[in-house]
PDB file of all heavy atoms in Angstrom:
ATOM      1  N   LEU A   1       0.825  -1.209   0.000  1.00  0.00           N
ATOM      2  CA  LEU A   1       0.000   0.000   0.000  1.00  0.00           C
ATOM      3  C   LEU A   1       0.861   1.262   0.000  1.00  0.00           C
ATOM      4  O   LEU A   1       0.597   2.203  -0.753  1.00  0.00           O
ATOM      5  CB  LEU A   1      -0.924   0.008   1.220  1.00  0.00           C
ATOM      6  CG  LEU A   1      -1.850   1.231   1.323  1.00  0.00           C
ATOM      7  CD1 LEU A   1      -2.917   1.179   0.233  1.00  0.00           C
ATOM      8  CD2 LEU A   1      -2.506   1.310   2.699  1.00  0.00           C
ATOM      9  N   ILE A   2       1.891   1.297   0.838  1.00  0.00           N
ATOM     10  CA  ILE A   2       2.703   2.511   0.943  1.00  0.00           C
ATOM     11  C   ILE A   2       3.487   2.765  -0.336  1.00  0.00           C
ATOM     12  O   ILE A   2       3.832   3.905  -0.657  1.00  0.00           O
ATOM     13  CB  ILE A   2       3.653   2.425   2.164  1.00  0.00           C
ATOM     14  CG1 ILE A   2       4.150   3.827   2.566  1.00  0.00           C
ATOM     15  CG2 ILE A   2       4.803   1.475   1.899  1.00  0.00           C
ATOM     16  CD1 ILE A   2       3.090   4.744   3.083  1.00  0.00           C
ATOM     17  N   LEU A   3       3.752   1.696  -1.108  1.00  0.00           N
ATOM     18  CA  LEU A   3       4.458   1.851  -2.374  1.00  0.00           C
ATOM     19  C   LEU A   3       3.527   2.228  -3.521  1.00  0.00           C
ATOM     20  O   LEU A   3       3.883   3.009  -4.405  1.00  0.00           O
ATOM     21  CB  LEU A   3       5.193   0.555  -2.730  1.00  0.00           C
ATOM     22  CG  LEU A   3       6.328   0.136  -1.788  1.00  0.00           C
ATOM     23  CD1 LEU A   3       6.839  -1.258  -2.159  1.00  0.00           C
ATOM     24  CD2 LEU A   3       7.469   1.141  -1.818  1.00  0.00           C
ATOM     25  N   GLN A   4       2.318   1.678  -3.493  1.00  0.00           N
ATOM     26  CA  GLN A   4       1.388   1.879  -4.601  1.00  0.00           C
ATOM     27  C   GLN A   4       0.464   3.082  -4.407  1.00  0.00           C
ATOM     28  O   GLN A   4      -0.051   3.641  -5.380  1.00  0.00           O
ATOM     29  CB  GLN A   4       0.547   0.617  -4.796  1.00  0.00           C
ATOM     30  CG  GLN A   4       1.371  -0.595  -5.186  1.00  0.00           C
ATOM     31  CD  GLN A   4       0.546  -1.880  -5.184  1.00  0.00           C
ATOM     32  OE1 GLN A   4      -0.602  -1.908  -4.747  1.00  0.00           O
ATOM     33  NE2 GLN A   4       1.143  -2.958  -5.684  1.00  0.00           N
ATOM     34  N   LYS A   5       0.242   3.467  -3.141  1.00  0.00           N
ATOM     35  CA  LYS A   5      -0.681   4.565  -2.843  1.00  0.00           C
ATOM     36  C   LYS A   5       0.023   5.603  -1.970  1.00  0.00           C
ATOM     37  O   LYS A   5      -0.469   5.996  -0.917  1.00  0.00           O
ATOM     38  CB  LYS A   5      -1.918   4.029  -2.112  1.00  0.00           C
ATOM     39  CG  LYS A   5      -2.678   2.949  -2.857  1.00  0.00           C
ATOM     40  CD  LYS A   5      -3.483   3.514  -4.017  1.00  0.00           C
ATOM     41  CE  LYS A   5      -4.352   2.451  -4.649  1.00  0.00           C
ATOM     42  NZ  LYS A   5      -5.166   2.994  -5.783  1.00  0.00           N
ATOM     43  N   SER A   6       1.169   6.064  -2.405  1.00  0.00           N
ATOM     44  CA  SER A   6       1.967   6.973  -1.591  1.00  0.00           C
ATOM     45  C   SER A   6       1.275   8.309  -1.348  1.00  0.00           C
ATOM     46  O   SER A   6       1.636   9.047  -0.429  1.00  0.00           O
ATOM     47  CB  SER A   6       3.331   7.210  -2.249  1.00  0.00           C
ATOM     48  OG  SER A   6       3.172   7.771  -3.542  1.00  0.00           O
ATOM     49  N   GLU A   7       0.288   8.636  -2.183  1.00  0.00           N
ATOM     50  CA  GLU A   7      -0.411   9.900  -1.995  1.00  0.00           C
ATOM     51  C   GLU A   7      -1.355   9.876  -0.795  1.00  0.00           C
ATOM     52  O   GLU A   7      -1.785  10.929  -0.307  1.00  0.00           O
ATOM     53  CB  GLU A   7      -1.200  10.258  -3.266  1.00  0.00           C
ATOM     54  CG  GLU A   7      -2.452   9.437  -3.520  1.00  0.00           C
ATOM     55  CD  GLU A   7      -2.184   8.066  -4.147  1.00  0.00           C
ATOM     56  OE1 GLU A   7      -0.993   7.721  -4.343  1.00  0.00           O
ATOM     57  OE2 GLU A   7      -3.152   7.357  -4.448  1.00  0.00           O
ATOM     58  N   ILE A   8      -1.676   8.692  -0.296  1.00  0.00           N
ATOM     59  CA  ILE A   8      -2.640   8.578   0.805  1.00  0.00           C
ATOM     60  C   ILE A   8      -1.978   8.792   2.155  1.00  0.00           C
ATOM     61  O   ILE A   8      -2.481   9.520   3.016  1.00  0.00           O
ATOM     62  CB  ILE A   8      -3.339   7.206   0.773  1.00  0.00           C
ATOM     63  CG1 ILE A   8      -4.058   7.018  -0.553  1.00  0.00           C
ATOM     64  CG2 ILE A   8      -4.310   7.065   1.937  1.00  0.00           C
ATOM     65  CD1 ILE A   8      -4.639   5.637  -0.746  1.00  0.00           C
ATOM     66  N   PHE A   9      -0.827   8.142   2.348  1.00  0.00           N
ATOM     67  CA  PHE A   9      -0.152   8.205   3.647  1.00  0.00           C
ATOM     68  C   PHE A   9       1.251   8.793   3.508  1.00  0.00           C
ATOM     69  O   PHE A   9       1.924   8.604   2.488  1.00  0.00           O
ATOM     70  CB  PHE A   9      -0.058   6.811   4.278  1.00  0.00           C
ATOM     71  CG  PHE A   9      -1.387   6.242   4.669  1.00  0.00           C
ATOM     72  CD1 PHE A   9      -2.040   5.339   3.831  1.00  0.00           C
ATOM     73  CD2 PHE A   9      -1.999   6.616   5.848  1.00  0.00           C
ATOM     74  CE1 PHE A   9      -3.277   4.815   4.180  1.00  0.00           C
ATOM     75  CE2 PHE A   9      -3.232   6.108   6.200  1.00  0.00           C
ATOM     76  CZ  PHE A   9      -3.876   5.204   5.368  1.00  0.00           C
ATOM     77  N   ASP A  10       1.678   9.480   4.559  1.00  0.00           N
ATOM     78  CA  ASP A  10       3.024  10.044   4.597  1.00  0.00           C
ATOM     79  C   ASP A  10       4.022   9.070   5.214  1.00  0.00           C
ATOM     80  O   ASP A  10       5.228   9.236   5.048  1.00  0.00           O
ATOM     81  CB  ASP A  10       3.026  11.343   5.418  1.00  0.00           C
ATOM     82  CG  ASP A  10       2.111  12.384   4.809  1.00  0.00           C
ATOM     83  OD1 ASP A  10       2.571  13.113   3.922  1.00  0.00           O
ATOM     84  OD2 ASP A  10       0.938  12.462   5.223  1.00  0.00           O
ATOM     85  N   GLY A  11       3.513   8.088   5.949  1.00  0.00           N
ATOM     86  CA  GLY A  11       4.408   7.127   6.561  1.00  0.00           C
ATOM     87  C   GLY A  11       3.674   5.866   6.954  1.00  0.00           C
ATOM     88  O   GLY A  11       2.460   5.872   7.192  1.00  0.00           O
ATOM     89  N   ALA A  12       4.425   4.755   6.983  1.00  0.00           N
ATOM     90  CA  ALA A  12       3.877   3.469   7.417  1.00  0.00           C
ATOM     91  C   ALA A  12       4.847   2.833   8.410  1.00  0.00           C
ATOM     92  O   ALA A  12       6.067   2.929   8.252  1.00  0.00           O
ATOM     93  CB  ALA A  12       3.653   2.543   6.227  1.00  0.00           C
ATOM     94  N   ILE A  13       4.275   2.190   9.432  1.00  0.00           N
ATOM     95  CA  ILE A  13       5.050   1.448  10.420  1.00  0.00           C
ATOM     96  C   ILE A  13       4.606   0.000  10.322  1.00  0.00           C
ATOM     97  O   ILE A  13       3.432  -0.310  10.552  1.00  0.00           O
ATOM     98  CB  ILE A  13       4.787   1.983  11.839  1.00  0.00           C
ATOM     99  CG1 ILE A  13       5.114   3.479  11.917  1.00  0.00           C
ATOM    100  CG2 ILE A  13       5.590   1.196  12.878  1.00  0.00           C
ATOM    101  CD1 ILE A  13       4.576   4.152  13.180  1.00  0.00           C
ATOM    102  N   ILE A  14       5.535  -0.874   9.946  1.00  0.00           N
ATOM    103  CA  ILE A  14       5.173  -2.285   9.809  1.00  0.00           C
ATOM    104  C   ILE A  14       6.064  -3.128  10.713  1.00  0.00           C
ATOM    105  O   ILE A  14       7.240  -2.833  10.912  1.00  0.00           O
ATOM    106  CB  ILE A  14       5.273  -2.764   8.345  1.00  0.00           C
ATOM    107  CG1 ILE A  14       6.713  -2.693   7.835  1.00  0.00           C
ATOM    108  CG2 ILE A  14       4.351  -1.939   7.455  1.00  0.00           C
ATOM    109  CD1 ILE A  14       6.899  -3.314   6.456  1.00  0.00           C
ATOM    110  N   THR A  15       5.491  -4.183  11.258  1.00  0.00           N
ATOM    111  CA  THR A  15       6.242  -5.005  12.200  1.00  0.00           C
ATOM    112  C   THR A  15       5.797  -6.457  12.130  1.00  0.00           C
ATOM    113  O   THR A  15       4.638  -6.747  11.828  1.00  0.00           O
ATOM    114  CB  THR A  15       6.073  -4.462  13.632  1.00  0.00           C
ATOM    115  OG1 THR A  15       6.803  -5.276  14.552  1.00  0.00           O
ATOM    116  CG2 THR A  15       4.616  -4.449  14.054  1.00  0.00           C
ATOM    117  N   ASP A  16       6.757  -7.362  12.389  1.00  0.00           N
ATOM    118  CA  ASP A  16       6.484  -8.807  12.400  1.00  0.00           C
ATOM    119  C   ASP A  16       5.883  -9.283  11.083  1.00  0.00           C
ATOM    120  O   ASP A  16       4.909 -10.032  11.054  1.00  0.00           O
ATOM    121  CB  ASP A  16       5.565  -9.163  13.566  1.00  0.00           C
ATOM    122  CG  ASP A  16       6.227  -8.904  14.893  1.00  0.00           C
ATOM    123  OD1 ASP A  16       6.980  -9.759  15.368  1.00  0.00           O
ATOM    124  OD2 ASP A  16       6.014  -7.808  15.449  1.00  0.00           O
ATOM    125  N   GLY A  17       6.499  -8.849  10.023  1.00  0.00           N
ATOM    126  CA  GLY A  17       6.017  -9.222   8.700  1.00  0.00           C
ATOM    127  C   GLY A  17       6.276  -8.107   7.723  1.00  0.00           C
ATOM    128  O   GLY A  17       6.787  -7.039   8.076  1.00  0.00           O
ATOM    129  N   GLY A  18       5.939  -8.357   6.475  1.00  0.00           N
ATOM    130  CA  GLY A  18       6.100  -7.342   5.455  1.00  0.00           C
ATOM    131  C   GLY A  18       6.967  -7.809   4.313  1.00  0.00           C
ATOM    132  O   GLY A  18       8.010  -8.427   4.521  1.00  0.00           O
ATOM    133  N   TYR A  19       6.512  -7.511   3.122  1.00  0.00           N
ATOM    134  CA  TYR A  19       7.308  -7.795   1.922  1.00  0.00           C
ATOM    135  C   TYR A  19       6.633  -7.142   0.727  1.00  0.00           C
ATOM    136  O   TYR A  19       5.406  -7.088   0.630  1.00  0.00           O
ATOM    137  CB  TYR A  19       7.431  -9.296   1.654  1.00  0.00           C
ATOM    138  CG  TYR A  19       8.233  -9.596   0.409  1.00  0.00           C
ATOM    139  CD1 TYR A  19       9.620  -9.527   0.435  1.00  0.00           C
ATOM    140  CD2 TYR A  19       7.593  -9.896  -0.794  1.00  0.00           C
ATOM    141  CE1 TYR A  19      10.358  -9.764  -0.722  1.00  0.00           C
ATOM    142  CE2 TYR A  19       8.328 -10.134  -1.947  1.00  0.00           C
ATOM    143  CZ  TYR A  19       9.711 -10.064  -1.899  1.00  0.00           C
ATOM    144  OH  TYR A  19      10.443 -10.293  -3.043  1.00  0.00           O
ATOM    145  N   ALA A  20       7.447  -6.605  -0.153  1.00  0.00           N
ATOM    146  CA  ALA A  20       6.954  -6.104  -1.433  1.00  0.00           C
ATOM    147  C   ALA A  20       7.896  -6.603  -2.519  1.00  0.00           C
ATOM    148  O   ALA A  20       9.113  -6.688  -2.310  1.00  0.00           O
ATOM    149  CB  ALA A  20       6.897  -4.581  -1.436  1.00  0.00           C
ATOM    150  N   SER A  21       7.353  -6.908  -3.658  1.00  0.00           N
ATOM    151  CA  SER A  21       8.157  -7.465  -4.742  1.00  0.00           C
ATOM    152  C   SER A  21       9.115  -6.424  -5.307  1.00  0.00           C
ATOM    153  O   SER A  21       8.945  -5.210  -5.127  1.00  0.00           O
ATOM    154  CB  SER A  21       7.243  -7.973  -5.857  1.00  0.00           C
ATOM    155  OG  SER A  21       6.609  -6.877  -6.498  1.00  0.00           O
ATOM    156  N   GLU A  22      10.093  -6.927  -6.021  1.00  0.00           N
ATOM    157  CA  GLU A  22      11.067  -6.047  -6.652  1.00  0.00           C
ATOM    158  C   GLU A  22      10.390  -5.113  -7.644  1.00  0.00           C
ATOM    159  O   GLU A  22      10.735  -3.933  -7.742  1.00  0.00           O
ATOM    160  CB  GLU A  22      12.133  -6.885  -7.351  1.00  0.00           C
ATOM    161  CG  GLU A  22      13.303  -6.076  -7.869  1.00  0.00           C
ATOM    162  CD  GLU A  22      14.418  -6.972  -8.382  1.00  0.00           C
ATOM    163  OE1 GLU A  22      14.156  -8.166  -8.627  1.00  0.00           O
ATOM    164  OE2 GLU A  22      15.543  -6.466  -8.535  1.00  0.00           O
ATOM    165  N   ASP A  23       9.386  -5.608  -8.370  1.00  0.00           N
ATOM    166  CA  ASP A  23       8.671  -4.775  -9.337  1.00  0.00           C
ATOM    167  C   ASP A  23       7.947  -3.627  -8.657  1.00  0.00           C
ATOM    168  O   ASP A  23       7.946  -2.492  -9.155  1.00  0.00           O
ATOM    169  CB  ASP A  23       7.676  -5.626 -10.130  1.00  0.00           C
ATOM    170  CG  ASP A  23       8.357  -6.553 -11.124  1.00  0.00           C
ATOM    171  OD1 ASP A  23       9.546  -6.296 -11.449  1.00  0.00           O
ATOM    172  OD2 ASP A  23       7.722  -7.536 -11.557  1.00  0.00           O
ATOM    173  N   ASN A  24       7.315  -3.911  -7.511  1.00  0.00           N
ATOM    174  CA  ASN A  24       6.598  -2.859  -6.792  1.00  0.00           C
ATOM    175  C   ASN A  24       7.552  -1.803  -6.245  1.00  0.00           C
ATOM    176  O   ASN A  24       7.241  -0.606  -6.239  1.00  0.00           O
ATOM    177  CB  ASN A  24       5.776  -3.454  -5.656  1.00  0.00           C
ATOM    178  CG  ASN A  24       4.480  -4.066  -6.144  1.00  0.00           C
ATOM    179  OD1 ASN A  24       4.084  -3.873  -7.294  1.00  0.00           O
ATOM    180  ND2 ASN A  24       3.810  -4.817  -5.284  1.00  0.00           N
ATOM    181  N   VAL A  25       8.701  -2.255  -5.769  1.00  0.00           N
ATOM    182  CA  VAL A  25       9.688  -1.301  -5.244  1.00  0.00           C
ATOM    183  C   VAL A  25      10.228  -0.437  -6.385  1.00  0.00           C
ATOM    184  O   VAL A  25      10.355   0.793  -6.253  1.00  0.00           O
ATOM    185  CB  VAL A  25      10.835  -2.039  -4.534  1.00  0.00           C
ATOM    186  CG1 VAL A  25      11.958  -1.068  -4.174  1.00  0.00           C
ATOM    187  CG2 VAL A  25      10.324  -2.737  -3.279  1.00  0.00           C
ATOM    188  N   LYS A  26      10.526  -1.042  -7.511  1.00  0.00           N
ATOM    189  CA  LYS A  26      11.088  -0.309  -8.647  1.00  0.00           C
ATOM    190  C   LYS A  26      10.077   0.677  -9.232  1.00  0.00           C
ATOM    191  O   LYS A  26      10.452   1.723  -9.776  1.00  0.00           O
ATOM    192  CB  LYS A  26      11.546  -1.297  -9.727  1.00  0.00           C
ATOM    193  CG  LYS A  26      12.789  -2.078  -9.350  1.00  0.00           C
ATOM    194  CD  LYS A  26      13.061  -3.218 -10.317  1.00  0.00           C
ATOM    195  CE  LYS A  26      13.409  -2.734 -11.696  1.00  0.00           C
ATOM    196  NZ  LYS A  26      13.779  -3.865 -12.596  1.00  0.00           N
ATOM    197  N   SER A  27       8.797   0.356  -9.120  1.00  0.00           N
ATOM    198  CA  SER A  27       7.773   1.225  -9.717  1.00  0.00           C
ATOM    199  C   SER A  27       7.311   2.332  -8.774  1.00  0.00           C
ATOM    200  O   SER A  27       6.470   3.151  -9.147  1.00  0.00           O
ATOM    201  CB  SER A  27       6.560   0.388 -10.137  1.00  0.00           C
ATOM    202  OG  SER A  27       5.947  -0.220  -9.006  1.00  0.00           O
ATOM    203  N   PHE A  28       7.862   2.379  -7.558  1.00  0.00           N
ATOM    204  CA  PHE A  28       7.460   3.404  -6.591  1.00  0.00           C
ATOM    205  C   PHE A  28       7.813   4.796  -7.107  1.00  0.00           C
ATOM    206  O   PHE A  28       8.938   5.058  -7.537  1.00  0.00           O
ATOM    207  CB  PHE A  28       8.159   3.173  -5.256  1.00  0.00           C
ATOM    208  CG  PHE A  28       7.977   4.312  -4.273  1.00  0.00           C
ATOM    209  CD1 PHE A  28       6.815   4.432  -3.531  1.00  0.00           C
ATOM    210  CD2 PHE A  28       8.966   5.279  -4.112  1.00  0.00           C
ATOM    211  CE1 PHE A  28       6.645   5.480  -2.636  1.00  0.00           C
ATOM    212  CE2 PHE A  28       8.806   6.321  -3.219  1.00  0.00           C
ATOM    213  CZ  PHE A  28       7.645   6.426  -2.480  1.00  0.00           C
ATOM    214  N   THR A  29       6.848   5.695  -7.064  1.00  0.00           N
ATOM    215  CA  THR A  29       7.079   7.103  -7.397  1.00  0.00           C
ATOM    216  C   THR A  29       6.317   7.972  -6.408  1.00  0.00           C
ATOM    217  O   THR A  29       5.211   7.622  -5.981  1.00  0.00           O
ATOM    218  CB  THR A  29       6.611   7.449  -8.821  1.00  0.00           C
ATOM    219  OG1 THR A  29       5.207   7.164  -8.935  1.00  0.00           O
ATOM    220  CG2 THR A  29       7.395   6.676  -9.863  1.00  0.00           C
ATOM    221  N   SER A  30       6.918   9.084  -6.056  1.00  0.00           N
ATOM    222  CA  SER A  30       6.254  10.012  -5.144  1.00  0.00           C
ATOM    223  C   SER A  30       6.897  11.386  -5.278  1.00  0.00           C
ATOM    224  O   SER A  30       8.124  11.502  -5.386  1.00  0.00           O
ATOM    225  CB  SER A  30       6.371   9.528  -3.699  1.00  0.00           C
ATOM    226  OG  SER A  30       5.791  10.470  -2.810  1.00  0.00           O
ATOM    227  N   LYS A  31       6.075  12.422  -5.257  1.00  0.00           N
ATOM    228  CA  LYS A  31       6.577  13.793  -5.305  1.00  0.00           C
ATOM    229  C   LYS A  31       6.978  14.293  -3.919  1.00  0.00           C
ATOM    230  O   LYS A  31       7.620  15.330  -3.796  1.00  0.00           O
ATOM    231  CB  LYS A  31       5.510  14.713  -5.906  1.00  0.00           C
ATOM    232  CG  LYS A  31       5.183  14.406  -7.360  1.00  0.00           C
ATOM    233  CD  LYS A  31       4.127  15.350  -7.893  1.00  0.00           C
ATOM    234  CE  LYS A  31       3.794  15.036  -9.348  1.00  0.00           C
ATOM    235  NZ  LYS A  31       2.748  15.948  -9.888  1.00  0.00           N
ATOM    236  N   LYS A  32       6.584  13.557  -2.893  1.00  0.00           N
ATOM    237  CA  LYS A  32       6.909  13.946  -1.517  1.00  0.00           C
ATOM    238  C   LYS A  32       7.714  12.828  -0.862  1.00  0.00           C
ATOM    239  O   LYS A  32       7.780  11.697  -1.355  1.00  0.00           O
ATOM    240  CB  LYS A  32       5.625  14.169  -0.712  1.00  0.00           C
ATOM    241  CG  LYS A  32       4.790  12.898  -0.551  1.00  0.00           C
ATOM    242  CD  LYS A  32       3.545  13.111   0.268  1.00  0.00           C
ATOM    243  CE  LYS A  32       2.767  11.788   0.429  1.00  0.00           C
ATOM    244  NZ  LYS A  32       1.538  11.953   1.218  1.00  0.00           N
ATOM    245  N   ASP A  33       8.336  13.134   0.263  1.00  0.00           N
ATOM    246  CA  ASP A  33       9.024  12.116   1.043  1.00  0.00           C
ATOM    247  C   ASP A  33       8.003  11.223   1.733  1.00  0.00           C
ATOM    248  O   ASP A  33       7.046  11.715   2.348  1.00  0.00           O
ATOM    249  CB  ASP A  33       9.929  12.758   2.100  1.00  0.00           C
ATOM    250  CG  ASP A  33      11.164  13.400   1.500  1.00  0.00           C
ATOM    251  OD1 ASP A  33      11.528  13.032   0.372  1.00  0.00           O
ATOM    252  OD2 ASP A  33      11.756  14.280   2.149  1.00  0.00           O
TER     253      ASP A  33
END
């Protein structure tokens, strides 16, 4: 979600799990931090 919908949230805290594919990471774009 934080990679695909960066306009919705400014930050995410994830714990005891989590993974995003290489394609999703490479396709991440955002005009803000």
